[in-house]
Amino acid sequence: MTISPIRTCADQKQVVRVMQLCSVGKKYPFTKQQFSVLKDFWALKDVSLDVYQGEIVGIIGRNGAGKTTLLNIMAKVLFPTEGEVFSNGRVLGLFNLGVGFQDELTGRGNIFLNGSLLGATKKEIEDKLNSIVEFSELGDFINMPLGTYSQGMRLRLGFSIVVNLKFDILVIDEVLAVGDVLFQNKCFERLMDFKREGKTLVITNQSLDLMERLCDRVILLDHGKTLFQGNVVEAINRYRLLLNTEKFFVGRAPS
């Protein structure tokens, strides 16, 4: 479903809402072996969120907090059990880099394969082919079978494909540690270019320093629920407090 962009005024700048989540929840059947009964496990519960054009939104939280589930719903990979998701524009998900890659195909052949799996037309891939190859820095390896590639080369190719395709909203799940430091900086700069172009990004990453550098605001999830959304530094501080509290109780000797 789509929404008409809602324009509001913030700091005398016009902002356009491109995605809205309304009381979104996602549950899975959970088998409790001890009693052999099915119980509902809510990976997300009552999550509401507005995302605006040209911003970078970070999602943080402990393992199992619901980050990946939320991003999959935003990227339309999963459907929510309850609630609604509205969006304007093309949403592209960057999850497992190189999903669908075939070792017997060349890097060039895999560009067409992976691009088509991401919804790009042959014409779009052809138009972006040189840009993808150049960004990947693979040189002559682009014409060699993928089976000869190192893991780092595969990741660079996968990232290069995604960031050269057309999108309005890019959802990124834990895949920014690509290649060496120089290439990682290049990826960082490309994401900042997207922001300057008015693209919208929603990301999750274990590096809180990276999140602080990239994000305009951050959502803190825990046990599938929103604990906080807003200022980046405050969100990160709350998350660190949450982690420290958990360590205290885990390490505390029983009375």
Protein backbone atom coordinates (compact mmCIF):
# COMPACT_ATOMS: atom_id res chain seq x y z
CA MET A 1 0.00 0.00 0.00
CA THR A 2 1.11 3.59 -0.58
CA ILE A 3 0.45 6.90 1.10
CA SER A 4 0.25 10.43 -0.15
CA PRO A 5 3.39 12.10 1.15
CA ILE A 6 2.59 14.16 4.22
CA ARG A 7 4.49 17.42 4.26
CA THR A 8 5.15 19.10 7.55
CA CYS A 9 7.46 21.85 8.62
CA ALA A 10 10.50 21.16 10.78
CA ASP A 11 13.26 23.72 11.32
CA GLN A 12 11.74 25.69 8.41
CA LYS A 13 12.45 22.79 6.07
CA GLN A 14 9.83 20.84 4.18
CA VAL A 15 9.93 17.14 4.97
CA VAL A 16 8.15 14.35 3.16
CA ARG A 17 7.08 11.13 4.82
CA VAL A 18 7.96 8.17 2.60
CA MET A 19 7.12 5.27 4.92
CA GLN A 20 4.75 4.75 7.81
CA LEU A 21 4.39 1.76 10.12
CA CYS A 22 1.20 1.64 12.18
CA SER A 23 1.08 -0.70 15.21
CA VAL A 24 3.05 -3.38 13.36
CA GLY A 25 3.45 -6.81 14.94
CA LYS A 26 4.92 -10.09 13.76
CA LYS A 27 4.39 -13.41 15.50
CA TYR A 28 5.65 -16.93 14.88
CA PRO A 29 4.42 -20.25 16.28
CA PHE A 30 6.79 -21.40 18.98
CA THR A 31 7.01 -25.03 20.07
CA LYS A 32 7.63 -25.58 23.75
CA GLN A 33 8.99 -29.12 23.76
CA GLN A 34 8.50 -29.74 27.46
CA PHE A 35 4.74 -29.56 27.16
CA SER A 36 4.43 -30.18 23.39
CA VAL A 37 2.22 -27.14 22.87
CA LEU A 38 2.38 -24.23 20.47
CA LYS A 39 2.74 -20.73 21.84
CA ASP A 40 2.91 -17.43 20.03
CA PHE A 41 6.30 -15.74 19.88
CA TRP A 42 6.06 -12.06 19.00
CA ALA A 43 9.22 -10.94 17.20
CA LEU A 44 7.67 -7.46 16.96
CA LYS A 45 4.78 -5.94 18.86
CA ASP A 46 3.01 -2.60 18.36
CA VAL A 47 5.80 -0.83 16.47
CA SER A 48 4.85 2.52 14.95
CA LEU A 49 7.31 4.58 12.95
CA ASP A 50 7.46 7.38 10.39
CA VAL A 51 10.38 7.59 7.96
CA TYR A 52 11.11 10.77 6.02
CA GLN A 53 12.75 11.49 2.71
CA GLY A 54 16.49 12.09 2.79
CA GLU A 55 17.14 10.83 6.31
CA ILE A 56 19.18 7.92 7.63
CA VAL A 57 17.38 6.02 10.37
CA GLY A 58 19.25 3.55 12.56
CA ILE A 59 17.78 0.52 14.30
CA ILE A 60 19.69 -0.76 17.35
CA GLY A 61 19.06 -3.40 19.98
CA ARG A 62 20.34 -6.63 21.44
CA ASN A 63 20.34 -9.91 19.52
CA GLY A 64 16.75 -11.05 19.20
CA ALA A 65 15.36 -7.54 19.69
CA GLY A 66 13.50 -7.70 16.37
CA LYS A 67 15.78 -5.57 14.20
CA THR A 68 16.03 -7.94 11.23
CA THR A 69 12.32 -8.75 11.38
CA LEU A 70 11.50 -5.04 11.28
CA LEU A 71 13.82 -4.41 8.33
CA ASN A 72 12.38 -7.39 6.43
CA ILE A 73 8.87 -6.01 6.92
CA MET A 74 9.97 -2.56 5.77
CA ALA A 75 11.60 -4.12 2.68
CA LYS A 76 8.40 -6.13 1.99
CA VAL A 77 10.21 -9.43 2.40
CA LEU A 78 7.89 -10.30 5.29
CA PHE A 79 4.28 -9.36 5.92
CA PRO A 80 3.23 -8.19 9.38
CA THR A 81 0.83 -10.30 11.42
CA GLU A 82 -0.93 -7.15 12.53
CA GLY A 83 -0.74 -3.47 11.74
CA GLU A 84 -0.04 -1.80 8.41
CA VAL A 85 2.93 -0.57 6.42
CA PHE A 86 2.59 2.24 3.89
CA SER A 87 5.33 3.43 1.58
CA ASN A 88 6.04 5.66 -1.40
CA GLY A 89 8.67 4.75 -3.95
CA ARG A 90 10.82 1.73 -4.60
CA VAL A 91 12.13 -0.07 -1.52
CA LEU A 92 15.33 -2.09 -1.91
CA GLY A 93 16.64 -4.45 0.76
CA LEU A 94 20.36 -5.06 1.31
CA PHE A 95 20.55 -8.16 3.51
CA ASN A 96 22.76 -11.12 2.58
CA LEU A 97 25.13 -9.80 -0.06
CA GLY A 98 25.32 -11.97 -3.13
CA VAL A 99 22.23 -14.07 -2.49
CA GLY A 100 21.69 -16.13 -5.64
CA PHE A 101 25.28 -15.82 -6.86
CA GLN A 102 26.42 -18.74 -9.02
CA ASP A 103 30.06 -19.86 -8.83
CA GLU A 104 30.18 -21.03 -12.44
CA LEU A 105 29.13 -17.62 -13.78
CA THR A 106 31.57 -14.75 -14.18
CA GLY A 107 31.31 -11.67 -12.02
CA ARG A 108 29.70 -9.92 -14.98
CA GLY A 109 27.16 -12.72 -15.37
CA ASN A 110 26.35 -12.57 -11.68
CA ILE A 111 25.67 -8.85 -11.95
CA PHE A 112 22.81 -9.61 -14.32
CA LEU A 113 21.60 -12.54 -12.24
CA ASN A 114 21.68 -10.74 -8.90
CA GLY A 115 20.30 -7.53 -10.36
CA SER A 116 17.30 -9.35 -11.80
CA LEU A 117 16.67 -11.05 -8.44
CA LEU A 118 16.58 -7.58 -6.90
CA GLY A 119 13.91 -6.52 -9.36
CA ALA A 120 16.01 -4.60 -11.88
CA THR A 121 15.27 -4.85 -15.59
CA LYS A 122 17.91 -5.99 -18.08
CA LYS A 123 18.03 -2.45 -19.48
CA GLU A 124 18.63 -0.97 -16.04
CA ILE A 125 21.44 -3.43 -15.35
CA GLU A 126 23.05 -2.76 -18.73
CA ASP A 127 22.91 0.99 -18.08
CA LYS A 128 24.56 0.56 -14.67
CA LEU A 129 27.03 -2.20 -15.62
CA ASN A 130 30.11 0.01 -15.99
CA SER A 131 29.32 1.84 -12.74
CA ILE A 132 28.95 -1.47 -10.88
CA VAL A 133 32.24 -2.84 -12.23
CA GLU A 134 34.09 0.40 -11.50
CA PHE A 135 32.74 0.67 -7.94
CA SER A 136 33.63 -2.95 -7.15
CA GLU A 137 37.31 -2.38 -8.08
CA LEU A 138 37.52 -6.01 -9.25
CA GLY A 139 39.34 -5.18 -12.47
CA ASP A 140 39.89 -8.18 -14.77
CA PHE A 141 38.38 -10.50 -12.16
CA ILE A 142 34.96 -9.33 -13.31
CA ASN A 143 35.34 -11.68 -16.30
CA MET A 144 36.44 -14.66 -14.20
CA PRO A 145 34.16 -17.29 -12.59
CA LEU A 146 32.84 -16.31 -9.19
CA GLY A 147 34.30 -19.54 -7.82
CA THR A 148 37.74 -17.92 -8.05
CA TYR A 149 36.68 -14.99 -5.83
CA SER A 150 37.58 -14.54 -2.19
CA GLN A 151 34.76 -13.83 0.27
CA GLY A 152 35.77 -10.18 0.35
CA MET A 153 35.55 -9.92 -3.43
CA ARG A 154 32.08 -11.49 -3.39
CA LEU A 155 30.90 -8.99 -0.79
CA ARG A 156 32.30 -6.07 -2.77
CA LEU A 157 30.51 -7.23 -5.90
CA GLY A 158 27.24 -7.74 -4.04
CA PHE A 159 27.39 -4.31 -2.42
CA SER A 160 28.35 -2.65 -5.71
CA ILE A 161 25.31 -4.12 -7.45
CA VAL A 162 22.83 -2.93 -4.84
CA VAL A 163 24.12 0.62 -4.45
CA ASN A 164 24.03 1.20 -8.20
CA LEU A 165 20.40 0.17 -8.70
CA LYS A 166 17.45 2.55 -8.54
CA PHE A 167 15.67 2.95 -5.22
CA ASP A 168 13.94 5.51 -3.06
CA ILE A 169 14.34 3.69 0.26
CA LEU A 170 17.31 1.42 0.99
CA VAL A 171 17.09 -0.99 3.93
CA ILE A 172 20.47 -2.33 5.11
CA ASP A 173 20.96 -5.15 7.61
CA GLU A 174 24.49 -5.59 9.03
CA VAL A 175 26.42 -5.62 5.75
CA LEU A 176 28.55 -2.47 5.89
CA ALA A 177 31.82 -4.21 6.84
CA VAL A 178 32.73 -4.87 3.21
CA GLY A 179 36.32 -5.31 2.08
CA ASP A 180 39.29 -3.38 3.45
CA VAL A 181 39.21 -0.05 5.29
CA LEU A 182 39.56 1.99 2.10
CA PHE A 183 36.62 0.22 0.48
CA GLN A 184 34.56 0.57 3.66
CA ASN A 185 35.18 4.32 3.61
CA LYS A 186 34.12 4.35 -0.02
CA CYS A 187 30.88 2.57 0.93
CA PHE A 188 30.31 5.08 3.72
CA GLU A 189 30.74 7.98 1.31
CA ARG A 190 28.32 6.39 -1.16
CA LEU A 191 25.68 6.18 1.59
CA MET A 192 26.23 9.85 2.41
CA ASP A 193 25.87 10.66 -1.30
CA PHE A 194 22.49 8.92 -1.24
CA LYS A 195 21.41 11.12 1.64
CA ARG A 196 22.47 14.27 -0.22
CA GLU A 197 20.48 13.04 -3.23
CA GLY A 198 17.35 12.80 -1.09
CA LYS A 199 17.39 9.01 -0.77
CA THR A 200 16.19 7.42 2.45
CA LEU A 201 18.17 4.76 4.32
CA VAL A 202 17.20 2.52 7.23
CA ILE A 203 20.13 0.59 8.69
CA THR A 204 21.16 -1.67 11.53
CA ASN A 205 24.76 -2.32 12.51
CA GLN A 206 26.67 -3.55 15.55
CA SER A 207 29.08 -0.61 15.35
CA LEU A 208 27.58 2.14 17.47
CA ASP A 209 30.32 4.53 16.31
CA LEU A 210 29.26 3.96 12.71
CA MET A 211 25.61 4.46 13.61
CA GLU A 212 26.45 7.73 15.33
CA ARG A 213 28.36 8.93 12.26
CA LEU A 214 25.66 7.93 9.78
CA CYS A 215 22.27 8.36 11.38
CA ASP A 216 19.97 11.33 11.82
CA ARG A 217 17.91 9.49 14.42
CA VAL A 218 17.81 6.03 15.97
CA ILE A 219 15.14 3.57 17.11
CA LEU A 220 16.01 1.35 20.08
CA LEU A 221 14.23 -2.02 20.10
CA ASP A 222 14.08 -4.58 22.87
CA HIS A 223 12.05 -7.79 22.92
CA GLY A 224 10.21 -6.64 19.80
CA LYS A 225 9.05 -3.33 21.25
CA THR A 226 10.19 0.25 20.78
CA LEU A 227 12.00 1.54 23.86
CA PHE A 228 13.04 4.85 22.35
CA GLN A 229 13.17 6.72 19.06
CA GLY A 230 14.78 10.06 18.45
CA ASN A 231 18.16 11.67 19.12
CA VAL A 232 21.08 9.46 18.07
CA VAL A 233 23.32 10.07 21.08
CA GLU A 234 20.48 9.60 23.57
CA ALA A 235 19.37 6.37 21.87
CA ILE A 236 22.90 4.96 21.96
CA ASN A 237 23.37 5.97 25.60
CA ARG A 238 20.11 4.24 26.52
CA TYR A 239 21.24 1.14 24.65
CA ARG A 240 24.58 1.08 26.48
CA LEU A 241 22.75 1.46 29.78
CA LEU A 242 20.53 -1.46 28.80
CA LEU A 243 23.58 -3.60 28.03
CA ASN A 244 25.31 -2.64 31.26
CA THR A 245 22.18 -3.42 33.27
CA GLU A 246 21.96 -6.83 31.61
CA LYS A 247 25.61 -7.56 32.44
CA PHE A 248 25.01 -6.56 36.06
CA PHE A 249 22.11 -8.95 36.53
CA VAL A 250 23.77 -11.79 34.60
CA GLY A 251 26.97 -11.50 36.61
CA ARG A 252 25.30 -10.97 39.96
CA ALA A 253 25.71 -13.82 42.46
CA PRO A 254 22.46 -15.34 43.75
CA SER A 255 21.49 -14.22 47.25
